[in-house]
Amino acid sequence: MCESRLRFKDKNGQIQDYGIVLIFTDENTKKQYIVYTDGAYTAFHEQHLHAAQYVPVDEASAVLLPIETDEEMKIIENRLLNE
């Protein structure tokens, strides 16, 4: 189970709690990314994962931005496969 937790308000104002799977900085783009999970599994018994660009604001908070390109998603997928 994930030791680090991520909490944020969803679009309905409800607090959501997720486990952090991975936070990393891509060497080429210098962007930070986060992969997190709600703990649910797919019908194929794979953990349901979410990914976003991670922009720290301070030690206790960050802004999550959507993954904008297929290239960014490939960066994240490759990192997960090599962890």
PDB file of N, CA and C in Angstrom:
ATOM      1  N   MET A   1       0.842  -1.190   0.000  1.00  0.00           N
ATOM      2  CA  MET A   1       0.000   0.000   0.000  1.00  0.00           C
ATOM      3  C   MET A   1       0.883   1.249   0.000  1.00  0.00           C
ATOM      4  N   CYS A   2       0.376   2.318  -0.504  1.00  0.00           N
ATOM      5  CA  CYS A   2       1.116   3.575  -0.596  1.00  0.00           C
ATOM      6  C   CYS A   2       1.251   4.210   0.789  1.00  0.00           C
ATOM      7  N   GLU A   3       2.458   4.670   1.119  1.00  0.00           N
ATOM      8  CA  GLU A   3       2.675   5.307   2.403  1.00  0.00           C
ATOM      9  C   GLU A   3       2.353   6.791   2.353  1.00  0.00           C
ATOM     10  N   SER A   4       2.645   7.450   1.254  1.00  0.00           N
ATOM     11  CA  SER A   4       2.378   8.881   1.120  1.00  0.00           C
ATOM     12  C   SER A   4       0.981   9.080   0.568  1.00  0.00           C
ATOM     13  N   ARG A   5       0.320  10.116   1.052  1.00  0.00           N
ATOM     14  CA  ARG A   5      -1.056  10.377   0.653  1.00  0.00           C
ATOM     15  C   ARG A   5      -1.162  11.722  -0.053  1.00  0.00           C
ATOM     16  N   LEU A   6      -2.156  11.812  -0.913  1.00  0.00           N
ATOM     17  CA  LEU A   6      -2.471  13.025  -1.657  1.00  0.00           C
ATOM     18  C   LEU A   6      -3.941  13.316  -1.397  1.00  0.00           C
ATOM     19  N   ARG A   7      -4.244  14.522  -0.966  1.00  0.00           N
ATOM     20  CA  ARG A   7      -5.633  14.912  -0.724  1.00  0.00           C
ATOM     21  C   ARG A   7      -5.917  16.201  -1.481  1.00  0.00           C
ATOM     22  N   PHE A   8      -7.082  16.220  -2.139  1.00  0.00           N
ATOM     23  CA  PHE A   8      -7.495  17.453  -2.801  1.00  0.00           C
ATOM     24  C   PHE A   8      -9.003  17.478  -2.961  1.00  0.00           C
ATOM     25  N   LYS A   9      -9.521  18.670  -3.213  1.00  0.00           N
ATOM     26  CA  LYS A   9     -10.956  18.820  -3.449  1.00  0.00           C
ATOM     27  C   LYS A   9     -11.247  18.537  -4.906  1.00  0.00           C
ATOM     28  N   ASP A  10     -12.282  17.728  -5.147  1.00  0.00           N
ATOM     29  CA  ASP A  10     -12.691  17.468  -6.523  1.00  0.00           C
ATOM     30  C   ASP A  10     -13.581  18.605  -7.012  1.00  0.00           C
ATOM     31  N   LYS A  11     -14.086  18.498  -8.227  1.00  0.00           N
ATOM     32  CA  LYS A  11     -14.891  19.577  -8.812  1.00  0.00           C
ATOM     33  C   LYS A  11     -16.191  19.819  -8.053  1.00  0.00           C
ATOM     34  N   ASN A  12     -16.602  18.863  -7.205  1.00  0.00           N
ATOM     35  CA  ASN A  12     -17.813  19.018  -6.394  1.00  0.00           C
ATOM     36  C   ASN A  12     -17.503  19.520  -4.991  1.00  0.00           C
ATOM     37  N   GLY A  13     -16.235  19.818  -4.724  1.00  0.00           N
ATOM     38  CA  GLY A  13     -15.835  20.328  -3.422  1.00  0.00           C
ATOM     39  C   GLY A  13     -15.616  19.251  -2.376  1.00  0.00           C
ATOM     40  N   GLN A  14     -15.678  17.988  -2.765  1.00  0.00           N
ATOM     41  CA  GLN A  14     -15.467  16.881  -1.842  1.00  0.00           C
ATOM     42  C   GLN A  14     -13.971  16.573  -1.728  1.00  0.00           C
ATOM     43  N   ILE A  15     -13.499  16.301  -0.511  1.00  0.00           N
ATOM     44  CA  ILE A  15     -12.107  15.925  -0.301  1.00  0.00           C
ATOM     45  C   ILE A  15     -11.918  14.490  -0.766  1.00  0.00           C
ATOM     46  N   GLN A  16     -10.934  14.285  -1.639  1.00  0.00           N
ATOM     47  CA  GLN A  16     -10.595  12.958  -2.147  1.00  0.00           C
ATOM     48  C   GLN A  16      -9.217  12.578  -1.617  1.00  0.00           C
ATOM     49  N   ASP A  17      -9.032  11.307  -1.300  1.00  0.00           N
ATOM     50  CA  ASP A  17      -7.793  10.812  -0.731  1.00  0.00           C
ATOM     51  C   ASP A  17      -7.192   9.752  -1.663  1.00  0.00           C
ATOM     52  N   TYR A  18      -5.935   9.919  -2.039  1.00  0.00           N
ATOM     53  CA  TYR A  18      -5.261   9.012  -2.965  1.00  0.00           C
ATOM     54  C   TYR A  18      -3.907   8.618  -2.403  1.00  0.00           C
ATOM     55  N   GLY A  19      -3.418   7.464  -2.812  1.00  0.00           N
ATOM     56  CA  GLY A  19      -2.075   7.033  -2.471  1.00  0.00           C
ATOM     57  C   GLY A  19      -1.115   7.448  -3.563  1.00  0.00           C
ATOM     58  N   ILE A  20       0.036   7.979  -3.190  1.00  0.00           N
ATOM     59  CA  ILE A  20       1.041   8.384  -4.166  1.00  0.00           C
ATOM     60  C   ILE A  20       1.866   7.166  -4.554  1.00  0.00           C
ATOM     61  N   VAL A  21       1.918   6.896  -5.835  1.00  0.00           N
ATOM     62  CA  VAL A  21       2.689   5.772  -6.365  1.00  0.00           C
ATOM     63  C   VAL A  21       4.092   6.234  -6.726  1.00  0.00           C
ATOM     64  N   LEU A  22       4.191   7.413  -7.356  1.00  0.00           N
ATOM     65  CA  LEU A  22       5.473   7.881  -7.867  1.00  0.00           C
ATOM     66  C   LEU A  22       5.427   9.380  -8.117  1.00  0.00           C
ATOM     67  N   ILE A  23       6.495  10.069  -7.741  1.00  0.00           N
ATOM     68  CA  ILE A  23       6.713  11.468  -8.130  1.00  0.00           C
ATOM     69  C   ILE A  23       8.118  11.515  -8.727  1.00  0.00           C
ATOM     70  N   PHE A  24       8.231  12.109  -9.913  1.00  0.00           N
ATOM     71  CA  PHE A  24       9.560  12.176 -10.543  1.00  0.00           C
ATOM     72  C   PHE A  24       9.662  13.398 -11.440  1.00  0.00           C
ATOM     73  N   THR A  25      10.895  13.771 -11.742  1.00  0.00           N
ATOM     74  CA  THR A  25      11.195  14.856 -12.672  1.00  0.00           C
ATOM     75  C   THR A  25      11.776  14.245 -13.934  1.00  0.00           C
ATOM     76  N   ASP A  26      11.210  14.572 -15.083  1.00  0.00           N
ATOM     77  CA  ASP A  26      11.757  14.097 -16.353  1.00  0.00           C
ATOM     78  C   ASP A  26      13.025  14.891 -16.665  1.00  0.00           C
ATOM     79  N   GLU A  27      14.096  14.196 -16.972  1.00  0.00           N
ATOM     80  CA  GLU A  27      15.385  14.846 -17.230  1.00  0.00           C
ATOM     81  C   GLU A  27      15.366  15.747 -18.456  1.00  0.00           C
ATOM     82  N   ASN A  28      14.590  15.391 -19.476  1.00  0.00           N
ATOM     83  CA  ASN A  28      14.568  16.176 -20.714  1.00  0.00           C
ATOM     84  C   ASN A  28      13.687  17.420 -20.614  1.00  0.00           C
ATOM     85  N   THR A  29      12.485  17.266 -20.082  1.00  0.00           N
ATOM     86  CA  THR A  29      11.550  18.394 -20.045  1.00  0.00           C
ATOM     87  C   THR A  29      11.670  19.221 -18.774  1.00  0.00           C
ATOM     88  N   LYS A  30      12.285  18.624 -17.732  1.00  0.00           N
ATOM     89  CA  LYS A  30      12.408  19.237 -16.400  1.00  0.00           C
ATOM     90  C   LYS A  30      11.057  19.403 -15.712  1.00  0.00           C
ATOM     91  N   LYS A  31      10.009  18.782 -16.253  1.00  0.00           N
ATOM     92  CA  LYS A  31       8.687  18.817 -15.623  1.00  0.00           C
ATOM     93  C   LYS A  31       8.598  17.713 -14.589  1.00  0.00           C
ATOM     94  N   GLN A  32       7.839  17.995 -13.521  1.00  0.00           N
ATOM     95  CA  GLN A  32       7.593  16.985 -12.507  1.00  0.00           C
ATOM     96  C   GLN A  32       6.241  16.337 -12.777  1.00  0.00           C
ATOM     97  N   TYR A  33       6.170  15.028 -12.507  1.00  0.00           N
ATOM     98  CA  TYR A  33       4.936  14.275 -12.699  1.00  0.00           C
ATOM     99  C   TYR A  33       4.618  13.484 -11.443  1.00  0.00           C
ATOM    100  N   ILE A  34       3.344  13.229 -11.230  1.00  0.00           N
ATOM    101  CA  ILE A  34       2.897  12.414 -10.113  1.00  0.00           C
ATOM    102  C   ILE A  34       1.967  11.335 -10.649  1.00  0.00           C
ATOM    103  N   VAL A  35       2.111  10.137 -10.111  1.00  0.00           N
ATOM    104  CA  VAL A  35       1.207   9.033 -10.410  1.00  0.00           C
ATOM    105  C   VAL A  35       0.584   8.650  -9.077  1.00  0.00           C
ATOM    106  N   TYR A  36      -0.738   8.554  -9.034  1.00  0.00           N
ATOM    107  CA  TYR A  36      -1.433   8.274  -7.784  1.00  0.00           C
ATOM    108  C   TYR A  36      -2.611   7.336  -8.041  1.00  0.00           C
ATOM    109  N   THR A  37      -3.108   6.728  -6.950  1.00  0.00           N
ATOM    110  CA  THR A  37      -4.176   5.749  -7.074  1.00  0.00           C
ATOM    111  C   THR A  37      -5.253   5.967  -6.020  1.00  0.00           C
ATOM    112  N   ASP A  38      -6.462   5.586  -6.384  1.00  0.00           N
ATOM    113  CA  ASP A  38      -7.569   5.611  -5.417  1.00  0.00           C
ATOM    114  C   ASP A  38      -7.731   4.248  -4.742  1.00  0.00           C
ATOM    115  N   GLY A  39      -6.861   3.307  -5.101  1.00  0.00           N
ATOM    116  CA  GLY A  39      -6.895   1.977  -4.504  1.00  0.00           C
ATOM    117  C   GLY A  39      -7.814   0.997  -5.211  1.00  0.00           C
ATOM    118  N   ALA A  40      -8.530   1.463  -6.221  1.00  0.00           N
ATOM    119  CA  ALA A  40      -9.449   0.592  -6.969  1.00  0.00           C
ATOM    120  C   ALA A  40      -8.670  -0.219  -8.001  1.00  0.00           C
ATOM    121  N   TYR A  41      -9.289  -1.303  -8.453  1.00  0.00           N
ATOM    122  CA  TYR A  41      -8.681  -2.166  -9.468  1.00  0.00           C
ATOM    123  C   TYR A  41      -9.602  -2.285 -10.675  1.00  0.00           C
ATOM    124  N   THR A  42      -9.000  -2.477 -11.832  1.00  0.00           N
ATOM    125  CA  THR A  42      -9.770  -2.659 -13.065  1.00  0.00           C
ATOM    126  C   THR A  42     -10.325  -4.077 -13.108  1.00  0.00           C
ATOM    127  N   ALA A  43     -11.137  -4.345 -14.104  1.00  0.00           N
ATOM    128  CA  ALA A  43     -11.694  -5.687 -14.297  1.00  0.00           C
ATOM    129  C   ALA A  43     -10.595  -6.712 -14.575  1.00  0.00           C
ATOM    130  N   PHE A  44      -9.425  -6.246 -14.993  1.00  0.00           N
ATOM    131  CA  PHE A  44      -8.290  -7.126 -15.286  1.00  0.00           C
ATOM    132  C   PHE A  44      -7.318  -7.211 -14.102  1.00  0.00           C
ATOM    133  N   HIS A  45      -7.765  -6.771 -12.907  1.00  0.00           N
ATOM    134  CA  HIS A  45      -6.994  -6.840 -11.663  1.00  0.00           C
ATOM    135  C   HIS A  45      -5.738  -5.978 -11.690  1.00  0.00           C
ATOM    136  N   GLU A  46      -5.800  -4.886 -12.438  1.00  0.00           N
ATOM    137  CA  GLU A  46      -4.708  -3.919 -12.458  1.00  0.00           C
ATOM    138  C   GLU A  46      -5.124  -2.714 -11.624  1.00  0.00           C
ATOM    139  N   GLN A  47      -4.182  -2.160 -10.892  1.00  0.00           N
ATOM    140  CA  GLN A  47      -4.477  -1.007 -10.062  1.00  0.00           C
ATOM    141  C   GLN A  47      -4.849   0.191 -10.939  1.00  0.00           C
ATOM    142  N   HIS A  48      -5.912   0.891 -10.562  1.00  0.00           N
ATOM    143  CA  HIS A  48      -6.359   2.068 -11.300  1.00  0.00           C
ATOM    144  C   HIS A  48      -5.449   3.235 -10.940  1.00  0.00           C
ATOM    145  N   LEU A  49      -4.728   3.772 -11.936  1.00  0.00           N
ATOM    146  CA  LEU A  49      -3.769   4.846 -11.714  1.00  0.00           C
ATOM    147  C   LEU A  49      -4.212   6.128 -12.409  1.00  0.00           C
ATOM    148  N   HIS A  50      -3.828   7.241 -11.809  1.00  0.00           N
ATOM    149  CA  HIS A  50      -4.038   8.570 -12.384  1.00  0.00           C
ATOM    150  C   HIS A  50      -2.665   9.220 -12.505  1.00  0.00           C
ATOM    151  N   ALA A  51      -2.499  10.120 -13.459  1.00  0.00           N
ATOM    152  CA  ALA A  51      -1.231  10.830 -13.617  1.00  0.00           C
ATOM    153  C   ALA A  51      -1.504  12.298 -13.909  1.00  0.00           C
ATOM    154  N   ALA A  52      -0.583  13.136 -13.461  1.00  0.00           N
ATOM    155  CA  ALA A  52      -0.710  14.575 -13.696  1.00  0.00           C
ATOM    156  C   ALA A  52       0.671  15.206 -13.651  1.00  0.00           C
ATOM    157  N   GLN A  53       0.758  16.387 -14.238  1.00  0.00           N
ATOM    158  CA  GLN A  53       1.962  17.184 -14.039  1.00  0.00           C
ATOM    159  C   GLN A  53       1.854  17.762 -12.634  1.00  0.00           C
ATOM    160  N   TYR A  54       2.957  17.777 -11.913  1.00  0.00           N
ATOM    161  CA  TYR A  54       2.998  18.152 -10.497  1.00  0.00           C
ATOM    162  C   TYR A  54       3.816  19.423 -10.361  1.00  0.00           C
ATOM    163  N   VAL A  55       3.179  20.498  -9.880  1.00  0.00           N
ATOM    164  CA  VAL A  55       3.878  21.778  -9.721  1.00  0.00           C
ATOM    165  C   VAL A  55       3.812  22.172  -8.244  1.00  0.00           C
ATOM    166  N   PRO A  56       4.899  21.943  -7.492  1.00  0.00           N
ATOM    167  CA  PRO A  56       4.892  22.299  -6.067  1.00  0.00           C
ATOM    168  C   PRO A  56       4.707  23.802  -5.863  1.00  0.00           C
ATOM    169  N   VAL A  57       3.881  24.146  -4.873  1.00  0.00           N
ATOM    170  CA  VAL A  57       3.667  25.545  -4.501  1.00  0.00           C
ATOM    171  C   VAL A  57       4.509  25.855  -3.264  1.00  0.00           C
ATOM    172  N   ASP A  58       4.464  24.956  -2.297  1.00  0.00           N
ATOM    173  CA  ASP A  58       5.287  25.050  -1.095  1.00  0.00           C
ATOM    174  C   ASP A  58       5.459  23.627  -0.557  1.00  0.00           C
ATOM    175  N   GLU A  59       5.972  23.475   0.663  1.00  0.00           N
ATOM    176  CA  GLU A  59       6.230  22.132   1.190  1.00  0.00           C
ATOM    177  C   GLU A  59       4.957  21.315   1.399  1.00  0.00           C
ATOM    178  N   ALA A  60       3.819  21.976   1.548  1.00  0.00           N
ATOM    179  CA  ALA A  60       2.588  21.266   1.878  1.00  0.00           C
ATOM    180  C   ALA A  60       1.554  21.240   0.755  1.00  0.00           C
ATOM    181  N   SER A  61       1.816  21.925  -0.347  1.00  0.00           N
ATOM    182  CA  SER A  61       0.797  21.969  -1.400  1.00  0.00           C
ATOM    183  C   SER A  61       1.420  22.027  -2.792  1.00  0.00           C
ATOM    184  N   ALA A  62       0.608  21.639  -3.760  1.00  0.00           N
ATOM    185  CA  ALA A  62       1.037  21.628  -5.161  1.00  0.00           C
ATOM    186  C   ALA A  62      -0.190  21.803  -6.043  1.00  0.00           C
ATOM    187  N   VAL A  63       0.075  22.147  -7.280  1.00  0.00           N
ATOM    188  CA  VAL A  63      -0.973  22.241  -8.288  1.00  0.00           C
ATOM    189  C   VAL A  63      -0.800  21.042  -9.218  1.00  0.00           C
ATOM    190  N   LEU A  64      -1.902  20.368  -9.537  1.00  0.00           N
ATOM    191  CA  LEU A  64      -1.873  19.268 -10.492  1.00  0.00           C
ATOM    192  C   LEU A  64      -2.445  19.754 -11.810  1.00  0.00           C
ATOM    193  N   LEU A  65      -1.691  19.536 -12.876  1.00  0.00           N
ATOM    194  CA  LEU A  65      -2.114  19.932 -14.213  1.00  0.00           C
ATOM    195  C   LEU A  65      -2.318  18.679 -15.057  1.00  0.00           C
ATOM    196  N   PRO A  66      -3.242  18.726 -16.006  1.00  0.00           N
ATOM    197  CA  PRO A  66      -3.470  17.537 -16.839  1.00  0.00           C
ATOM    198  C   PRO A  66      -2.276  17.217 -17.729  1.00  0.00           C
ATOM    199  N   ILE A  67      -2.162  15.935 -18.065  1.00  0.00           N
ATOM    200  CA  ILE A  67      -1.169  15.496 -19.038  1.00  0.00           C
ATOM    201  C   ILE A  67      -1.681  15.960 -20.394  1.00  0.00           C
ATOM    202  N   GLU A  68      -0.872  16.739 -21.107  1.00  0.00           N
ATOM    203  CA  GLU A  68      -1.353  17.406 -22.318  1.00  0.00           C
ATOM    204  C   GLU A  68      -1.059  16.672 -23.610  1.00  0.00           C
ATOM    205  N   THR A  69      -0.031  15.828 -23.618  1.00  0.00           N
ATOM    206  CA  THR A  69       0.349  15.210 -24.891  1.00  0.00           C
ATOM    207  C   THR A  69       0.560  13.709 -24.723  1.00  0.00           C
ATOM    208  N   ASP A  70       0.505  13.005 -25.842  1.00  0.00           N
ATOM    209  CA  ASP A  70       0.819  11.578 -25.838  1.00  0.00           C
ATOM    210  C   ASP A  70       2.272  11.352 -25.446  1.00  0.00           C
ATOM    211  N   GLU A  71       3.148  12.289 -25.807  1.00  0.00           N
ATOM    212  CA  GLU A  71       4.564  12.178 -25.460  1.00  0.00           C
ATOM    213  C   GLU A  71       4.753  12.194 -23.946  1.00  0.00           C
ATOM    214  N   GLU A  72       4.028  13.094 -23.266  1.00  0.00           N
ATOM    215  CA  GLU A  72       4.099  13.139 -21.810  1.00  0.00           C
ATOM    216  C   GLU A  72       3.600  11.827 -21.197  1.00  0.00           C
ATOM    217  N   MET A  73       2.525  11.287 -21.735  1.00  0.00           N
ATOM    218  CA  MET A  73       1.997  10.028 -21.211  1.00  0.00           C
ATOM    219  C   MET A  73       3.003   8.904 -21.418  1.00  0.00           C
ATOM    220  N   LYS A  74       3.711   8.909 -22.537  1.00  0.00           N
ATOM    221  CA  LYS A  74       4.742   7.901 -22.805  1.00  0.00           C
ATOM    222  C   LYS A  74       5.879   8.010 -21.779  1.00  0.00           C
ATOM    223  N   ILE A  75       6.262   9.236 -21.435  1.00  0.00           N
ATOM    224  CA  ILE A  75       7.303   9.461 -20.427  1.00  0.00           C
ATOM    225  C   ILE A  75       6.885   8.796 -19.117  1.00  0.00           C
ATOM    226  N   ILE A  76       5.643   9.006 -18.715  1.00  0.00           N
ATOM    227  CA  ILE A  76       5.129   8.450 -17.467  1.00  0.00           C
ATOM    228  C   ILE A  76       5.057   6.927 -17.543  1.00  0.00           C
ATOM    229  N   GLU A  77       4.521   6.411 -18.632  1.00  0.00           N
ATOM    230  CA  GLU A  77       4.409   4.952 -18.810  1.00  0.00           C
ATOM    231  C   GLU A  77       5.783   4.294 -18.751  1.00  0.00           C
ATOM    232  N   ASN A  78       6.763   4.877 -19.448  1.00  0.00           N
ATOM    233  CA  ASN A  78       8.111   4.313 -19.460  1.00  0.00           C
ATOM    234  C   ASN A  78       8.728   4.329 -18.057  1.00  0.00           C
ATOM    235  N   ARG A  79       8.500   5.395 -17.327  1.00  0.00           N
ATOM    236  CA  ARG A  79       9.038   5.485 -15.963  1.00  0.00           C
ATOM    237  C   ARG A  79       8.413   4.427 -15.072  1.00  0.00           C
ATOM    238  N   LEU A  80       7.098   4.223 -15.201  1.00  0.00           N
ATOM    239  CA  LEU A  80       6.433   3.193 -14.394  1.00  0.00           C
ATOM    240  C   LEU A  80       6.958   1.791 -14.726  1.00  0.00           C
ATOM    241  N   LEU A  81       7.208   1.540 -15.989  1.00  0.00           N
ATOM    242  CA  LEU A  81       7.710   0.224 -16.399  1.00  0.00           C
ATOM    243  C   LEU A  81       9.122  -0.033 -15.881  1.00  0.00           C
ATOM    244  N   ASN A  82       9.889   1.030 -15.671  1.00  0.00           N
ATOM    245  CA  ASN A  82      11.280   0.879 -15.248  1.00  0.00           C
ATOM    246  C   ASN A  82      11.488   1.035 -13.748  1.00  0.00           C
ATOM    247  N   GLU A  83      10.427   1.217 -12.997  1.00  0.00           N
ATOM    248  CA  GLU A  83      10.538   1.351 -11.532  1.00  0.00           C
ATOM    249  C   GLU A  83      10.640   0.006 -10.881  1.00  0.00           C
TER     250      GLU A  83
END
